PDB file of N, CA and C in Angstrom:
ATOM      1  N   UNK A   1     -19.248  37.276  21.240  1.00  0.00           N
ATOM      2  CA  UNK A   1     -17.696  36.184  20.746  1.00  0.00           C
ATOM      3  C   UNK A   1     -17.959  34.467  21.740  1.00  0.00           C
ATOM      4  N   UNK A   2     -17.456  33.779  21.050  1.00  0.00           N
ATOM      5  CA  UNK A   2     -17.781  32.671  21.231  1.00  0.00           C
ATOM      6  C   UNK A   2     -16.277  31.905  22.215  1.00  0.00           C
ATOM      7  N   UNK A   3     -15.856  31.163  23.129  1.00  0.00           N
ATOM      8  CA  UNK A   3     -14.326  30.915  24.059  1.00  0.00           C
ATOM      9  C   UNK A   3     -14.308  29.945  23.341  1.00  0.00           C
ATOM     10  N   UNK A   4     -13.379  29.011  22.751  1.00  0.00           N
ATOM     11  CA  UNK A   4     -12.707  28.056  23.574  1.00  0.00           C
ATOM     12  C   UNK A   4     -11.912  27.609  24.896  1.00  0.00           C
ATOM     13  N   UNK A   5     -11.968  26.881  25.703  1.00  0.00           N
ATOM     14  CA  UNK A   5     -10.879  26.516  26.274  1.00  0.00           C
ATOM     15  C   UNK A   5      -9.845  25.227  26.076  1.00  0.00           C
ATOM     16  N   UNK A   6      -8.456  25.289  26.253  1.00  0.00           N
ATOM     17  CA  UNK A   6      -7.675  24.243  26.360  1.00  0.00           C
ATOM     18  C   UNK A   6      -6.617  24.384  27.059  1.00  0.00           C
ATOM     19  N   UNK A   7      -6.613  22.876  27.717  1.00  0.00           N
ATOM     20  CA  UNK A   7      -5.877  22.541  29.003  1.00  0.00           C
ATOM     21  C   UNK A   7      -4.229  22.768  28.619  1.00  0.00           C
ATOM     22  N   UNK A   8      -2.948  23.435  29.546  1.00  0.00           N
ATOM     23  CA  UNK A   8      -2.014  22.472  29.168  1.00  0.00           C
ATOM     24  C   UNK A   8      -1.486  22.591  30.137  1.00  0.00           C
ATOM     25  N   UNK A   9      -0.564  21.792  30.289  1.00  0.00           N
ATOM     26  CA  UNK A   9       0.184  21.455  31.533  1.00  0.00           C
ATOM     27  C   UNK A   9       1.010  22.668  31.985  1.00  0.00           C
ATOM     28  N   UNK A  10       0.569  22.482  33.363  1.00  0.00           N
ATOM     29  CA  UNK A  10       1.483  23.386  34.130  1.00  0.00           C
ATOM     30  C   UNK A  10       2.867  23.494  34.047  1.00  0.00           C
ATOM     31  N   UNK A  11       3.785  22.460  33.846  1.00  0.00           N
ATOM     32  CA  UNK A  11       4.679  22.615  33.660  1.00  0.00           C
ATOM     33  C   UNK A  11       5.580  23.480  31.994  1.00  0.00           C
ATOM     34  N   UNK A  12       4.218  24.309  31.605  1.00  0.00           N
ATOM     35  CA  UNK A  12       4.447  25.117  30.181  1.00  0.00           C
ATOM     36  C   UNK A  12       4.888  26.455  30.880  1.00  0.00           C
ATOM     37  N   UNK A  13       5.895  27.032  30.708  1.00  0.00           N
ATOM     38  CA  UNK A  13       5.911  28.038  31.095  1.00  0.00           C
ATOM     39  C   UNK A  13       5.227  29.807  30.429  1.00  0.00           C
ATOM     40  N   UNK A  14       5.137  30.772  31.404  1.00  0.00           N
ATOM     41  CA  UNK A  14       4.616  31.793  30.049  1.00  0.00           C
ATOM     42  C   UNK A  14       4.866  31.976  29.265  1.00  0.00           C
ATOM     43  N   UNK A  15       5.493  32.347  28.439  1.00  0.00           N
ATOM     44  CA  UNK A  15       6.588  32.828  27.274  1.00  0.00           C
ATOM     45  C   UNK A  15       5.650  31.380  26.584  1.00  0.00           C
ATOM     46  N   UNK A  16       6.212  30.566  26.268  1.00  0.00           N
ATOM     47  CA  UNK A  16       5.281  30.050  26.106  1.00  0.00           C
ATOM     48  C   UNK A  16       3.523  29.241  25.153  1.00  0.00           C
ATOM     49  N   UNK A  17       3.103  29.533  27.096  1.00  0.00           N
ATOM     50  CA  UNK A  17       1.450  29.786  26.704  1.00  0.00           C
ATOM     51  C   UNK A  17       1.250  30.154  25.800  1.00  0.00           C
ATOM     52  N   UNK A  18       2.531  31.998  26.131  1.00  0.00           N
ATOM     53  CA  UNK A  18       1.829  33.128  25.258  1.00  0.00           C
ATOM     54  C   UNK A  18       1.923  33.033  23.717  1.00  0.00           C
ATOM     55  N   UNK A  19       2.257  32.200  23.621  1.00  0.00           N
ATOM     56  CA  UNK A  19       2.679  31.593  21.731  1.00  0.00           C
ATOM     57  C   UNK A  19       1.924  30.671  22.056  1.00  0.00           C
ATOM     58  N   UNK A  20       1.674  29.537  22.317  1.00  0.00           N
ATOM     59  CA  UNK A  20       0.273  29.073  22.956  1.00  0.00           C
ATOM     60  C   UNK A  20      -0.790  29.747  21.558  1.00  0.00           C
ATOM     61  N   UNK A  21      -0.593  30.532  22.538  1.00  0.00           N
ATOM     62  CA  UNK A  21      -2.479  30.968  22.499  1.00  0.00           C
ATOM     63  C   UNK A  21      -2.314  31.648  20.768  1.00  0.00           C
ATOM     64  N   UNK A  22      -1.608  32.787  21.164  1.00  0.00           N
ATOM     65  CA  UNK A  22      -1.078  33.796  19.843  1.00  0.00           C
ATOM     66  C   UNK A  22      -1.245  32.352  18.402  1.00  0.00           C
ATOM     67  N   UNK A  23      -0.961  30.829  18.658  1.00  0.00           N
ATOM     68  CA  UNK A  23      -0.804  30.292  17.589  1.00  0.00           C
ATOM     69  C   UNK A  23      -2.617  29.771  17.191  1.00  0.00           C
ATOM     70  N   UNK A  24      -3.133  29.372  18.445  1.00  0.00           N
ATOM     71  CA  UNK A  24      -4.207  28.381  18.556  1.00  0.00           C
ATOM     72  C   UNK A  24      -5.315  29.875  18.104  1.00  0.00           C
ATOM     73  N   UNK A  25      -5.448  30.683  18.390  1.00  0.00           N
ATOM     74  CA  UNK A  25      -5.815  32.225  17.391  1.00  0.00           C
ATOM     75  C   UNK A  25      -5.735  32.644  16.238  1.00  0.00           C
ATOM     76  N   UNK A  26      -4.342  32.530  15.555  1.00  0.00           N
ATOM     77  CA  UNK A  26      -4.546  32.241  14.113  1.00  0.00           C
ATOM     78  C   UNK A  26      -5.196  30.866  13.943  1.00  0.00           C
ATOM     79  N   UNK A  27      -4.948  30.092  13.849  1.00  0.00           N
ATOM     80  CA  UNK A  27      -5.429  28.466  13.809  1.00  0.00           C
ATOM     81  C   UNK A  27      -7.241  28.077  13.457  1.00  0.00           C
ATOM     82  N   UNK A  28      -7.735  28.757  14.905  1.00  0.00           N
ATOM     83  CA  UNK A  28      -9.009  29.390  14.681  1.00  0.00           C
ATOM     84  C   UNK A  28      -9.813  29.753  13.917  1.00  0.00           C
ATOM     85  N   UNK A  29      -9.271  31.434  13.961  1.00  0.00           N
ATOM     86  CA  UNK A  29      -9.603  32.318  13.130  1.00  0.00           C
ATOM     87  C   UNK A  29      -9.411  31.871  11.156  1.00  0.00           C
ATOM     88  N   UNK A  30      -8.513  30.814  11.265  1.00  0.00           N
ATOM     89  CA  UNK A  30      -8.362  30.255   9.732  1.00  0.00           C
ATOM     90  C   UNK A  30      -9.710  29.402   9.313  1.00  0.00           C
ATOM     91  N   UNK A  31      -9.619  28.321  10.897  1.00  0.00           N
ATOM     92  CA  UNK A  31     -10.588  27.235  10.148  1.00  0.00           C
ATOM     93  C   UNK A  31     -12.285  27.688  10.369  1.00  0.00           C
ATOM     94  N   UNK A  32     -12.462  29.268  10.736  1.00  0.00           N
ATOM     95  CA  UNK A  32     -13.744  29.475  10.751  1.00  0.00           C
ATOM     96  C   UNK A  32     -13.760  30.794   9.470  1.00  0.00           C
ATOM     97  N   UNK A  33     -12.700  31.238   9.291  1.00  0.00           N
ATOM     98  CA  UNK A  33     -12.710  31.660   7.852  1.00  0.00           C
ATOM     99  C   UNK A  33     -13.494  30.463   6.214  1.00  0.00           C
ATOM    100  N   UNK A  34     -12.523  29.415   6.337  1.00  0.00           N
ATOM    101  CA  UNK A  34     -12.676  28.415   5.703  1.00  0.00           C
ATOM    102  C   UNK A  34     -14.204  27.532   5.012  1.00  0.00           C
ATOM    103  N   UNK A  35     -14.567  27.379   6.851  1.00  0.00           N
ATOM    104  CA  UNK A  35     -15.956  26.800   6.805  1.00  0.00           C
ATOM    105  C   UNK A  35     -16.269  28.200   6.216  1.00  0.00           C
ATOM    106  N   UNK A  36     -16.327  29.529   6.294  1.00  0.00           N
ATOM    107  CA  UNK A  36     -17.331  30.251   6.559  1.00  0.00           C
ATOM    108  C   UNK A  36     -17.885  30.656   5.372  1.00  0.00           C
ATOM    109  N   UNK A  37     -16.191  30.245   4.266  1.00  0.00           N
ATOM    110  CA  UNK A  37     -16.223  30.655   3.056  1.00  0.00           C
ATOM    111  C   UNK A  37     -16.521  28.894   1.970  1.00  0.00           C
ATOM    112  N   UNK A  38     -16.639  28.350   2.509  1.00  0.00           N
ATOM    113  CA  UNK A  38     -16.761  26.780   2.232  1.00  0.00           C
ATOM    114  C   UNK A  38     -18.314  27.039   2.224  1.00  0.00           C
ATOM    115  N   UNK A  39     -19.253  27.178   3.514  1.00  0.00           N
ATOM    116  CA  UNK A  39     -20.601  27.500   3.788  1.00  0.00           C
ATOM    117  C   UNK A  39     -21.001  28.326   1.934  1.00  0.00           C
ATOM    118  N   UNK A  40     -20.480  29.676   1.828  1.00  0.00           N
ATOM    119  CA  UNK A  40     -21.400  30.681   0.816  1.00  0.00           C
ATOM    120  C   UNK A  40     -20.955  29.703  -0.442  1.00  0.00           C
ATOM    121  N   UNK A  41     -19.896  29.650  -0.596  1.00  0.00           N
ATOM    122  CA  UNK A  41     -19.969  28.647  -1.977  1.00  0.00           C
ATOM    123  C   UNK A  41     -20.515  27.427  -2.428  1.00  0.00           C
ATOM    124  N   UNK A  42     -20.579  26.844  -1.124  1.00  0.00           N
ATOM    125  CA  UNK A  42     -21.406  26.428  -1.471  1.00  0.00           C
ATOM    126  C   UNK A  42     -23.035  26.625  -1.922  1.00  0.00           C
ATOM    127  N   UNK A  43     -23.773  27.563  -1.283  1.00  0.00           N
ATOM    128  CA  UNK A  43     -24.667  28.623  -1.897  1.00  0.00           C
ATOM    129  C   UNK A  43     -24.455  29.098  -3.112  1.00  0.00           C
ATOM    130  N   UNK A  44     -23.147  29.435  -3.614  1.00  0.00           N
ATOM    131  CA  UNK A  44     -23.461  29.993  -4.753  1.00  0.00           C
ATOM    132  C   UNK A  44     -23.138  29.677  -6.131  1.00  0.00           C
ATOM    133  N   UNK A  45     -22.777  28.077  -5.664  1.00  0.00           N
ATOM    134  CA  UNK A  45     -23.108  27.221  -6.757  1.00  0.00           C
ATOM    135  C   UNK A  45     -23.667  26.052  -6.673  1.00  0.00           C
ATOM    136  N   UNK A  46     -24.600  26.115  -5.918  1.00  0.00           N
ATOM    137  CA  UNK A  46     -25.608  24.944  -5.201  1.00  0.00           C
ATOM    138  C   UNK A  46     -26.427  24.688  -6.740  1.00  0.00           C
ATOM    139  N   UNK A  47     -26.500  25.810  -7.655  1.00  0.00           N
ATOM    140  CA  UNK A  47     -27.610  25.609  -8.670  1.00  0.00           C
ATOM    141  C   UNK A  47     -26.261  25.662 -10.447  1.00  0.00           C
ATOM    142  N   UNK A  48     -25.593  25.152  -9.700  1.00  0.00           N
ATOM    143  CA  UNK A  48     -24.098  24.566 -11.379  1.00  0.00           C
ATOM    144  C   UNK A  48     -24.137  23.572 -11.835  1.00  0.00           C
ATOM    145  N   UNK A  49     -24.428  23.189 -13.154  1.00  0.00           N
ATOM    146  CA  UNK A  49     -24.525  22.445 -13.738  1.00  0.00           C
ATOM    147  C   UNK A  49     -22.962  21.419 -14.171  1.00  0.00           C
ATOM    148  N   UNK A  50     -22.162  21.899 -13.136  1.00  0.00           N
ATOM    149  CA  UNK A  50     -20.524  21.763 -13.217  1.00  0.00           C
ATOM    150  C   UNK A  50     -20.768  20.528 -12.203  1.00  0.00           C
ATOM    151  N   UNK A  51     -19.871  19.012 -12.745  1.00  0.00           N
ATOM    152  CA  UNK A  51     -20.035  18.012 -12.716  1.00  0.00           C
ATOM    153  C   UNK A  51     -18.661  18.515 -11.041  1.00  0.00           C
ATOM    154  N   UNK A  52     -18.684  17.540  -9.960  1.00  0.00           N
ATOM    155  CA  UNK A  52     -17.675  17.582  -8.604  1.00  0.00           C
ATOM    156  C   UNK A  52     -15.896  17.144  -9.395  1.00  0.00           C
ATOM    157  N   UNK A  53     -15.667  16.243 -10.321  1.00  0.00           N
ATOM    158  CA  UNK A  53     -15.316  16.239 -11.479  1.00  0.00           C
ATOM    159  C   UNK A  53     -14.419  16.907 -11.157  1.00  0.00           C
ATOM    160  N   UNK A  54     -15.304  17.711 -12.268  1.00  0.00           N
ATOM    161  CA  UNK A  54     -15.093  19.173 -13.099  1.00  0.00           C
ATOM    162  C   UNK A  54     -14.921  20.106 -12.652  1.00  0.00           C
ATOM    163  N   UNK A  55     -14.996  20.867 -11.469  1.00  0.00           N
ATOM    164  CA  UNK A  55     -14.715  21.735 -10.300  1.00  0.00           C
ATOM    165  C   UNK A  55     -13.790  21.491 -10.114  1.00  0.00           C
ATOM    166  N   UNK A  56     -12.860  19.693  -9.373  1.00  0.00           N
ATOM    167  CA  UNK A  56     -12.048  19.476  -9.269  1.00  0.00           C
ATOM    168  C   UNK A  56     -10.595  19.834 -10.511  1.00  0.00           C
ATOM    169  N   UNK A  57     -10.944  18.926 -11.585  1.00  0.00           N
ATOM    170  CA  UNK A  57      -9.941  19.487 -12.835  1.00  0.00           C
ATOM    171  C   UNK A  57      -9.588  21.159 -12.834  1.00  0.00           C
ATOM    172  N   UNK A  58     -10.230  21.894 -13.002  1.00  0.00           N
ATOM    173  CA  UNK A  58     -10.546  23.674 -12.920  1.00  0.00           C
ATOM    174  C   UNK A  58      -9.467  23.586 -11.835  1.00  0.00           C
ATOM    175  N   UNK A  59      -9.967  23.039 -10.668  1.00  0.00           N
ATOM    176  CA  UNK A  59      -8.897  23.596  -9.543  1.00  0.00           C
ATOM    177  C   UNK A  59      -7.611  23.207  -9.604  1.00  0.00           C
ATOM    178  N   UNK A  60      -7.577  22.531 -10.316  1.00  0.00           N
ATOM    179  CA  UNK A  60      -6.755  21.720 -10.227  1.00  0.00           C
ATOM    180  C   UNK A  60      -5.372  22.869 -11.638  1.00  0.00           C
ATOM    181  N   UNK A  61      -6.105  22.751 -12.819  1.00  0.00           N
ATOM    182  CA  UNK A  61      -5.532  24.060 -13.662  1.00  0.00           C
ATOM    183  C   UNK A  61      -4.870  25.383 -13.403  1.00  0.00           C
ATOM    184  N   UNK A  62      -5.826  25.732 -11.682  1.00  0.00           N
ATOM    185  CA  UNK A  62      -5.547  27.126 -11.360  1.00  0.00           C
ATOM    186  C   UNK A  62      -4.567  26.657 -10.417  1.00  0.00           C
ATOM    187  N   UNK A  63      -4.608  25.860  -9.713  1.00  0.00           N
ATOM    188  CA  UNK A  63      -3.141  25.455  -9.049  1.00  0.00           C
ATOM    189  C   UNK A  63      -1.558  25.633 -10.124  1.00  0.00           C
ATOM    190  N   UNK A  64      -2.121  25.116 -10.730  1.00  0.00           N
ATOM    191  CA  UNK A  64      -0.957  25.221 -11.672  1.00  0.00           C
ATOM    192  C   UNK A  64      -0.353  26.591 -13.022  1.00  0.00           C
ATOM    193  N   UNK A  65      -1.231  26.673 -13.015  1.00  0.00           N
ATOM    194  CA  UNK A  65      -0.809  28.270 -13.828  1.00  0.00           C
ATOM    195  C   UNK A  65      -0.522  29.361 -12.155  1.00  0.00           C
ATOM    196  N   UNK A  66      -0.942  29.331 -11.451  1.00  0.00           N
ATOM    197  CA  UNK A  66      -0.734  30.228 -10.482  1.00  0.00           C
ATOM    198  C   UNK A  66       0.222  29.404  -9.590  1.00  0.00           C
ATOM    199  N   UNK A  67       1.281  28.429  -9.885  1.00  0.00           N
ATOM    200  CA  UNK A  67       2.963  28.485  -9.614  1.00  0.00           C
ATOM    201  C   UNK A  67       3.206  28.727 -10.627  1.00  0.00           C
ATOM    202  N   UNK A  68       3.083  28.383 -11.760  1.00  0.00           N
ATOM    203  CA  UNK A  68       4.091  28.190 -12.441  1.00  0.00           C
ATOM    204  C   UNK A  68       4.321  29.972 -12.947  1.00  0.00           C
ATOM    205  N   UNK A  69       3.116  30.916 -12.208  1.00  0.00           N
ATOM    206  CA  UNK A  69       3.296  32.688 -12.270  1.00  0.00           C
ATOM    207  C   UNK A  69       3.872  33.188 -11.568  1.00  0.00           C
ATOM    208  N   UNK A  70       3.393  32.122  -9.857  1.00  0.00           N
ATOM    209  CA  UNK A  70       4.712  32.574  -8.613  1.00  0.00           C
ATOM    210  C   UNK A  70       6.516  31.899  -8.992  1.00  0.00           C
ATOM    211  N   UNK A  71       6.512  31.058  -9.768  1.00  0.00           N
ATOM    212  CA  UNK A  71       7.811  30.964 -10.163  1.00  0.00           C
ATOM    213  C   UNK A  71       8.378  31.756 -11.281  1.00  0.00           C
ATOM    214  N   UNK A  72       7.396  32.253 -12.120  1.00  0.00           N
ATOM    215  CA  UNK A  72       8.181  33.326 -12.984  1.00  0.00           C
ATOM    216  C   UNK A  72       8.507  34.260 -12.245  1.00  0.00           C
ATOM    217  N   UNK A  73       8.018  35.466 -11.173  1.00  0.00           N
ATOM    218  CA  UNK A  73       7.797  35.819 -10.365  1.00  0.00           C
ATOM    219  C   UNK A  73       8.817  35.646  -9.146  1.00  0.00           C
ATOM    220  N   UNK A  74       9.652  34.157  -9.043  1.00  0.00           N
ATOM    221  CA  UNK A  74      10.397  34.979  -8.450  1.00  0.00           C
ATOM    222  C   UNK A  74       9.490  34.298  -6.777  1.00  0.00           C
ATOM    223  N   UNK A  75       9.240  33.667  -6.666  1.00  0.00           N
ATOM    224  CA  UNK A  75       8.231  33.239  -5.198  1.00  0.00           C
ATOM    225  C   UNK A  75       7.929  32.402  -5.222  1.00  0.00           C
ATOM    226  N   UNK A  76       8.605  31.659  -5.547  1.00  0.00           N
ATOM    227  CA  UNK A  76       8.091  30.556  -5.501  1.00  0.00           C
ATOM    228  C   UNK A  76       9.582  29.444  -5.763  1.00  0.00           C
ATOM    229  N   UNK A  77       9.899  27.891  -4.880  1.00  0.00           N
ATOM    230  CA  UNK A  77      10.869  27.748  -6.209  1.00  0.00           C
ATOM    231  C   UNK A  77      10.258  26.541  -7.189  1.00  0.00           C
TER     232      UNK A  77
END
């Protein structure tokens, strides 16, 4: 596994440093997962005949429908 080094001021105490390490780990993992997923989607949909505009339209429709379902279940306001 690769390593990223982040420099923080020496004034940062150990407790905050540990929190920062956990936060950075989560951020990096999410970003890597997102990039890998986008790369996979690009491969899968490379031969699609859908336009970018149509894809965005469909995505917005999915978002609206999902939000409506979440509201009905009380999972969001």
